[in-house]
Amino acid sequence: MYKRLGLDFFIQQNVAVLASSLLGKVLCTKQKGLFTSAMIVETEAYQGPEDKGSHAFRNRRTQRTETMFNRGGFAYVYLCYGIHHLFNVVTGPEDVPHAVLIRAIQPIEGVELMMKRRKMLKILPKLTAGPGTLSQALGITTAMTGTDMLSPDSPVWIEDRQYQIEPEQIMSGPRIGIDYAADWIDRPLRFWIKDSIWVSRQR
């Protein structure tokens, strides 16, 4: 039985440190008895109200962003271009809207189910190397936004399986697709595992 990440992990205040700490952790889903899991290999940190790349910039509270103001451990899933469901982990204390976007994962269990969902016949990195594709592979949709991942009956959660990621394996660089974020564009808030073929875009 693997240990789920708990409240003490998710309420850390430094979202960049937390985003890098998620590398090597295992993202899991279970829906209608169907289980999938995959190692997190790429993340992006979003630093709450001061971050011009964040949906919650200047503490913007809307029906969509309200989930981000929960304490850490909630799922925040939103639609990108009206097509892609992007999965984020809310972090930090309540009313501080930090979040981490999960950008890429390495499949572990339920690979055939992932391939069926992605309509793929071969196991290739494009199966889960990207935030939209990984959600499709794991069956994550906006219906899961607001889900408390600390709840034992949550359909999505994150486990610590003691995979060892050494500090020299962790790379960082600018986030992707936030051209609107002005002076926040080039900040090194994207983290990935060096040489992983599952990372969405190599640097």
C-alpha atoms as a PDB file:
ATOM      1  CA  MET A   1       0.000   0.000   0.000  1.00  0.00           C
ATOM      2  CA  TYR A   2       1.555   3.281  -1.107  1.00  0.00           C
ATOM      3  CA  LYS A   3       1.338   6.453   0.952  1.00  0.00           C
ATOM      4  CA  ARG A   4      -0.707   9.354  -0.391  1.00  0.00           C
ATOM      5  CA  LEU A   5       0.736  12.821  -0.097  1.00  0.00           C
ATOM      6  CA  GLY A   6      -0.898  14.566   2.839  1.00  0.00           C
ATOM      7  CA  LEU A   7      -1.785  18.047   3.988  1.00  0.00           C
ATOM      8  CA  ASP A   8       1.698  18.762   5.336  1.00  0.00           C
ATOM      9  CA  PHE A   9       3.096  18.407   1.800  1.00  0.00           C
ATOM     10  CA  PHE A  10       0.474  20.482  -0.010  1.00  0.00           C
ATOM     11  CA  ILE A  11       0.355  23.473   2.352  1.00  0.00           C
ATOM     12  CA  GLN A  12       4.027  24.341   1.896  1.00  0.00           C
ATOM     13  CA  GLN A  13       4.196  28.068   1.143  1.00  0.00           C
ATOM     14  CA  ASN A  14       7.010  27.975  -1.436  1.00  0.00           C
ATOM     15  CA  VAL A  15       5.189  26.791  -4.551  1.00  0.00           C
ATOM     16  CA  ALA A  16       8.385  26.583  -6.634  1.00  0.00           C
ATOM     17  CA  VAL A  17       9.992  24.208  -4.137  1.00  0.00           C
ATOM     18  CA  LEU A  18       6.789  22.179  -4.004  1.00  0.00           C
ATOM     19  CA  ALA A  19       6.606  22.001  -7.819  1.00  0.00           C
ATOM     20  CA  SER A  20      10.112  20.545  -7.991  1.00  0.00           C
ATOM     21  CA  SER A  21       9.293  18.179  -5.100  1.00  0.00           C
ATOM     22  CA  LEU A  22       6.417  16.725  -7.124  1.00  0.00           C
ATOM     23  CA  LEU A  23       8.878  15.297  -9.652  1.00  0.00           C
ATOM     24  CA  GLY A  24       9.039  11.555  -9.049  1.00  0.00           C
ATOM     25  CA  LYS A  25       5.696  11.461  -7.233  1.00  0.00           C
ATOM     26  CA  VAL A  26       2.919   9.341  -8.735  1.00  0.00           C
ATOM     27  CA  LEU A  27      -0.363  10.753 -10.053  1.00  0.00           C
ATOM     28  CA  CYS A  28      -3.232   8.261  -9.770  1.00  0.00           C
ATOM     29  CA  THR A  29      -6.851   8.089 -10.918  1.00  0.00           C
ATOM     30  CA  LYS A  30      -9.629   5.596 -10.249  1.00  0.00           C
ATOM     31  CA  GLN A  31     -12.959   5.828 -12.012  1.00  0.00           C
ATOM     32  CA  LYS A  32     -15.617   3.122 -12.212  1.00  0.00           C
ATOM     33  CA  GLY A  33     -13.039   0.678 -10.864  1.00  0.00           C
ATOM     34  CA  LEU A  34     -10.490   1.548 -13.556  1.00  0.00           C
ATOM     35  CA  PHE A  35      -7.083   2.501 -12.145  1.00  0.00           C
ATOM     36  CA  THR A  36      -4.216   4.371 -13.798  1.00  0.00           C
ATOM     37  CA  SER A  37      -0.955   5.741 -12.434  1.00  0.00           C
ATOM     38  CA  ALA A  38       2.070   7.603 -13.762  1.00  0.00           C
ATOM     39  CA  MET A  39       5.210   9.291 -12.440  1.00  0.00           C
ATOM     40  CA  ILE A  40       5.238  13.083 -12.616  1.00  0.00           C
ATOM     41  CA  VAL A  41       8.184  14.226 -14.758  1.00  0.00           C
ATOM     42  CA  GLU A  42       7.354  17.887 -15.484  1.00  0.00           C
ATOM     43  CA  THR A  43       5.605  20.652 -13.550  1.00  0.00           C
ATOM     44  CA  GLU A  44       5.035  24.415 -13.599  1.00  0.00           C
ATOM     45  CA  ALA A  45       4.619  26.612 -10.518  1.00  0.00           C
ATOM     46  CA  TYR A  46       2.149  29.520 -10.394  1.00  0.00           C
ATOM     47  CA  GLN A  47       2.790  31.935  -7.548  1.00  0.00           C
ATOM     48  CA  GLY A  48      -0.626  33.254  -6.664  1.00  0.00           C
ATOM     49  CA  PRO A  49      -1.702  36.898  -6.795  1.00  0.00           C
ATOM     50  CA  GLU A  50       1.672  38.402  -7.799  1.00  0.00           C
ATOM     51  CA  ASP A  51       2.179  36.007 -10.750  1.00  0.00           C
ATOM     52  CA  LYS A  52       1.070  37.547 -14.043  1.00  0.00           C
ATOM     53  CA  GLY A  53       0.861  34.061 -15.528  1.00  0.00           C
ATOM     54  CA  SER A  54      -1.651  32.873 -12.918  1.00  0.00           C
ATOM     55  CA  HIS A  55      -5.426  32.770 -13.314  1.00  0.00           C
ATOM     56  CA  ALA A  56      -5.540  34.250  -9.807  1.00  0.00           C
ATOM     57  CA  PHE A  57      -3.306  37.244 -10.585  1.00  0.00           C
ATOM     58  CA  ARG A  58      -4.245  40.146  -8.284  1.00  0.00           C
ATOM     59  CA  ASN A  59      -6.419  37.732  -6.297  1.00  0.00           C
ATOM     60  CA  ARG A  60      -8.897  37.455  -9.173  1.00  0.00           C
ATOM     61  CA  ARG A  61     -11.814  35.424  -7.814  1.00  0.00           C
ATOM     62  CA  THR A  62     -14.251  34.017 -10.354  1.00  0.00           C
ATOM     63  CA  GLN A  63     -16.391  30.902 -10.517  1.00  0.00           C
ATOM     64  CA  ARG A  64     -13.468  29.170 -12.231  1.00  0.00           C
ATOM     65  CA  THR A  65     -10.643  30.354  -9.967  1.00  0.00           C
ATOM     66  CA  GLU A  66     -12.442  30.003  -6.626  1.00  0.00           C
ATOM     67  CA  THR A  67     -10.992  26.492  -6.239  1.00  0.00           C
ATOM     68  CA  MET A  68      -7.489  27.994  -6.204  1.00  0.00           C
ATOM     69  CA  PHE A  69      -8.270  29.766  -2.923  1.00  0.00           C
ATOM     70  CA  ASN A  70      -8.768  26.467  -1.062  1.00  0.00           C
ATOM     71  CA  ARG A  71      -5.990  25.155   1.139  1.00  0.00           C
ATOM     72  CA  GLY A  72      -3.481  22.910  -0.589  1.00  0.00           C
ATOM     73  CA  GLY A  73      -4.508  19.466  -1.782  1.00  0.00           C
ATOM     74  CA  PHE A  74      -7.427  20.323  -4.047  1.00  0.00           C
ATOM     75  CA  ALA A  75      -7.549  19.624  -7.785  1.00  0.00           C
ATOM     76  CA  TYR A  76      -7.968  22.573 -10.137  1.00  0.00           C
ATOM     77  CA  VAL A  77      -8.854  21.488 -13.680  1.00  0.00           C
ATOM     78  CA  TYR A  78      -9.676  23.972 -16.426  1.00  0.00           C
ATOM     79  CA  LEU A  79     -10.314  23.903 -20.167  1.00  0.00           C
ATOM     80  CA  CYS A  80      -7.648  25.290 -22.480  1.00  0.00           C
ATOM     81  CA  TYR A  81      -8.874  26.441 -25.924  1.00  0.00           C
ATOM     82  CA  GLY A  82     -12.169  24.774 -25.047  1.00  0.00           C
ATOM     83  CA  ILE A  83     -10.578  21.369 -25.730  1.00  0.00           C
ATOM     84  CA  HIS A  84      -7.793  20.372 -23.339  1.00  0.00           C
ATOM     85  CA  HIS A  85      -8.439  19.605 -19.674  1.00  0.00           C
ATOM     86  CA  LEU A  86      -5.396  20.837 -17.707  1.00  0.00           C
ATOM     87  CA  PHE A  87      -4.759  19.383 -14.249  1.00  0.00           C
ATOM     88  CA  ASN A  88      -3.347  21.547 -11.473  1.00  0.00           C
ATOM     89  CA  VAL A  89      -2.643  20.944  -7.801  1.00  0.00           C
ATOM     90  CA  VAL A  90      -3.698  23.731  -5.436  1.00  0.00           C
ATOM     91  CA  THR A  91      -0.961  24.406  -2.859  1.00  0.00           C
ATOM     92  CA  GLY A  92      -0.283  26.586   0.155  1.00  0.00           C
ATOM     93  CA  PRO A  93      -2.623  27.764   2.933  1.00  0.00           C
ATOM     94  CA  GLU A  94      -6.250  28.768   2.393  1.00  0.00           C
ATOM     95  CA  ASP A  95      -6.814  32.053   0.520  1.00  0.00           C
ATOM     96  CA  VAL A  96      -3.313  31.978  -1.011  1.00  0.00           C
ATOM     97  CA  PRO A  97      -3.970  30.843  -4.624  1.00  0.00           C
ATOM     98  CA  HIS A  98      -0.753  28.997  -5.430  1.00  0.00           C
ATOM     99  CA  ALA A  99      -1.009  26.106  -7.890  1.00  0.00           C
ATOM    100  CA  VAL A 100       1.172  23.653  -9.796  1.00  0.00           C
ATOM    101  CA  LEU A 101       0.346  22.560 -13.342  1.00  0.00           C
ATOM    102  CA  ILE A 102       1.271  18.947 -14.071  1.00  0.00           C
ATOM    103  CA  ARG A 103       2.772  19.074 -17.570  1.00  0.00           C
ATOM    104  CA  ALA A 104       3.977  15.527 -18.245  1.00  0.00           C
ATOM    105  CA  ILE A 105       3.967  12.046 -16.725  1.00  0.00           C
ATOM    106  CA  GLN A 106       5.580   8.653 -17.319  1.00  0.00           C
ATOM    107  CA  PRO A 107       3.000   5.820 -17.434  1.00  0.00           C
ATOM    108  CA  ILE A 108       3.202   3.079 -14.801  1.00  0.00           C
ATOM    109  CA  GLU A 109      -0.099   1.219 -14.420  1.00  0.00           C
ATOM    110  CA  GLY A 110      -3.161   1.022 -16.660  1.00  0.00           C
ATOM    111  CA  VAL A 111      -1.141   1.719 -19.795  1.00  0.00           C
ATOM    112  CA  GLU A 112      -3.548  -0.139 -22.099  1.00  0.00           C
ATOM    113  CA  LEU A 113      -6.414   1.965 -20.761  1.00  0.00           C
ATOM    114  CA  MET A 114      -4.395   5.128 -21.351  1.00  0.00           C
ATOM    115  CA  MET A 115      -3.718   4.053 -24.929  1.00  0.00           C
ATOM    116  CA  LYS A 116      -7.410   3.340 -25.486  1.00  0.00           C
ATOM    117  CA  ARG A 117      -8.379   6.770 -24.182  1.00  0.00           C
ATOM    118  CA  ARG A 118      -5.743   8.389 -26.410  1.00  0.00           C
ATOM    119  CA  LYS A 119      -6.634   6.186 -29.406  1.00  0.00           C
ATOM    120  CA  MET A 120      -3.031   5.028 -29.739  1.00  0.00           C
ATOM    121  CA  LEU A 121      -1.727   1.624 -30.800  1.00  0.00           C
ATOM    122  CA  LYS A 122       1.898   2.044 -29.668  1.00  0.00           C
ATOM    123  CA  ILE A 123       3.467   3.350 -26.469  1.00  0.00           C
ATOM    124  CA  LEU A 124       5.118   6.624 -27.443  1.00  0.00           C
ATOM    125  CA  PRO A 125       5.962   9.744 -25.399  1.00  0.00           C
ATOM    126  CA  LYS A 126       3.035  11.618 -26.942  1.00  0.00           C
ATOM    127  CA  LEU A 127       0.797   9.310 -24.894  1.00  0.00           C
ATOM    128  CA  THR A 128       1.284  11.520 -21.818  1.00  0.00           C
ATOM    129  CA  ALA A 129       3.955  14.140 -22.664  1.00  0.00           C
ATOM    130  CA  GLY A 130       1.835  17.266 -22.374  1.00  0.00           C
ATOM    131  CA  PRO A 131      -0.754  18.653 -19.944  1.00  0.00           C
ATOM    132  CA  GLY A 132      -3.760  18.040 -22.192  1.00  0.00           C
ATOM    133  CA  THR A 133      -2.719  14.577 -23.306  1.00  0.00           C
ATOM    134  CA  LEU A 134      -1.916  13.357 -19.794  1.00  0.00           C
ATOM    135  CA  SER A 135      -5.379  14.367 -18.597  1.00  0.00           C
ATOM    136  CA  GLN A 136      -6.966  12.500 -21.489  1.00  0.00           C
ATOM    137  CA  ALA A 137      -4.852   9.416 -20.743  1.00  0.00           C
ATOM    138  CA  LEU A 138      -5.765   9.421 -17.045  1.00  0.00           C
ATOM    139  CA  GLY A 139      -9.408  10.303 -17.590  1.00  0.00           C
ATOM    140  CA  ILE A 140      -9.090  13.677 -15.852  1.00  0.00           C
ATOM    141  CA  THR A 141     -11.734  16.273 -16.769  1.00  0.00           C
ATOM    142  CA  THR A 142     -13.066  19.564 -15.438  1.00  0.00           C
ATOM    143  CA  ALA A 143     -15.642  17.512 -13.520  1.00  0.00           C
ATOM    144  CA  MET A 144     -12.803  16.827 -11.046  1.00  0.00           C
ATOM    145  CA  THR A 145     -12.081  20.477 -10.300  1.00  0.00           C
ATOM    146  CA  GLY A 146     -12.667  21.192  -6.638  1.00  0.00           C
ATOM    147  CA  THR A 147     -11.918  17.590  -5.679  1.00  0.00           C
ATOM    148  CA  ASP A 148     -10.146  17.225  -2.334  1.00  0.00           C
ATOM    149  CA  MET A 149      -7.310  14.821  -3.127  1.00  0.00           C
ATOM    150  CA  LEU A 150      -6.826  14.142   0.588  1.00  0.00           C
ATOM    151  CA  SER A 151     -10.229  12.431   0.709  1.00  0.00           C
ATOM    152  CA  PRO A 152      -9.967   8.598   0.623  1.00  0.00           C
ATOM    153  CA  ASP A 153     -12.691   8.393  -2.030  1.00  0.00           C
ATOM    154  CA  SER A 154     -11.183  11.019  -4.332  1.00  0.00           C
ATOM    155  CA  PRO A 155     -11.005   9.878  -7.995  1.00  0.00           C
ATOM    156  CA  VAL A 156      -7.587  11.541  -8.319  1.00  0.00           C
ATOM    157  CA  TRP A 157      -4.664  11.692  -5.883  1.00  0.00           C
ATOM    158  CA  ILE A 158      -0.864  11.726  -5.653  1.00  0.00           C
ATOM    159  CA  GLU A 159       1.321   9.093  -3.982  1.00  0.00           C
ATOM    160  CA  ASP A 160       4.886   8.984  -2.715  1.00  0.00           C
ATOM    161  CA  ARG A 161       6.379   5.688  -3.897  1.00  0.00           C
ATOM    162  CA  GLN A 162       9.901   6.631  -2.823  1.00  0.00           C
ATOM    163  CA  TYR A 163      11.275   7.064  -6.339  1.00  0.00           C
ATOM    164  CA  GLN A 164      14.582   8.854  -5.842  1.00  0.00           C
ATOM    165  CA  ILE A 165      15.130  11.926  -8.017  1.00  0.00           C
ATOM    166  CA  GLU A 166      18.583  13.351  -7.372  1.00  0.00           C
ATOM    167  CA  PRO A 167      19.054  17.147  -7.286  1.00  0.00           C
ATOM    168  CA  GLU A 168      21.275  17.055 -10.361  1.00  0.00           C
ATOM    169  CA  GLN A 169      18.420  15.407 -12.311  1.00  0.00           C
ATOM    170  CA  ILE A 170      16.071  18.347 -11.719  1.00  0.00           C
ATOM    171  CA  MET A 171      16.161  20.995 -14.437  1.00  0.00           C
ATOM    172  CA  SER A 172      14.364  24.341 -14.480  1.00  0.00           C
ATOM    173  CA  GLY A 173      13.490  26.972 -17.050  1.00  0.00           C
ATOM    174  CA  PRO A 174      10.745  29.307 -18.288  1.00  0.00           C
ATOM    175  CA  ARG A 175       7.152  28.162 -18.385  1.00  0.00           C
ATOM    176  CA  ILE A 176       5.477  27.441 -21.724  1.00  0.00           C
ATOM    177  CA  GLY A 177       2.611  29.289 -23.390  1.00  0.00           C
ATOM    178  CA  ILE A 178       2.381  32.341 -21.123  1.00  0.00           C
ATOM    179  CA  ASP A 179       3.360  35.088 -23.573  1.00  0.00           C
ATOM    180  CA  TYR A 180       0.878  37.397 -21.822  1.00  0.00           C
ATOM    181  CA  ALA A 181       2.769  37.248 -18.496  1.00  0.00           C
ATOM    182  CA  ALA A 182       5.095  40.231 -19.113  1.00  0.00           C
ATOM    183  CA  ASP A 183       8.112  40.158 -16.784  1.00  0.00           C
ATOM    184  CA  TRP A 184       7.070  36.708 -15.498  1.00  0.00           C
ATOM    185  CA  ILE A 185       7.614  35.001 -18.863  1.00  0.00           C
ATOM    186  CA  ASP A 186      11.283  34.098 -18.314  1.00  0.00           C
ATOM    187  CA  ARG A 187      11.182  33.136 -14.645  1.00  0.00           C
ATOM    188  CA  PRO A 188      12.449  29.559 -14.140  1.00  0.00           C
ATOM    189  CA  LEU A 189       9.235  28.121 -12.724  1.00  0.00           C
ATOM    190  CA  ARG A 190       9.046  25.027 -14.924  1.00  0.00           C
ATOM    191  CA  PHE A 191      10.740  21.907 -13.572  1.00  0.00           C
ATOM    192  CA  TRP A 192      11.478  18.612 -15.284  1.00  0.00           C
ATOM    193  CA  ILE A 193      13.529  15.451 -14.935  1.00  0.00           C
ATOM    194  CA  LYS A 194      16.664  15.620 -17.055  1.00  0.00           C
ATOM    195  CA  ASP A 195      16.798  13.266 -20.060  1.00  0.00           C
ATOM    196  CA  SER A 196      13.243  11.957 -19.523  1.00  0.00           C
ATOM    197  CA  ILE A 197      11.676  11.135 -22.903  1.00  0.00           C
ATOM    198  CA  TRP A 198       8.273  11.863 -21.377  1.00  0.00           C
ATOM    199  CA  VAL A 199       8.891  15.593 -20.852  1.00  0.00           C
ATOM    200  CA  SER A 200       6.638  17.731 -23.052  1.00  0.00           C
ATOM    201  CA  ARG A 201       9.380  19.906 -24.499  1.00  0.00           C
ATOM    202  CA  GLN A 202      13.134  19.481 -24.096  1.00  0.00           C
ATOM    203  CA  ARG A 203      15.371  22.403 -23.112  1.00  0.00           C
END
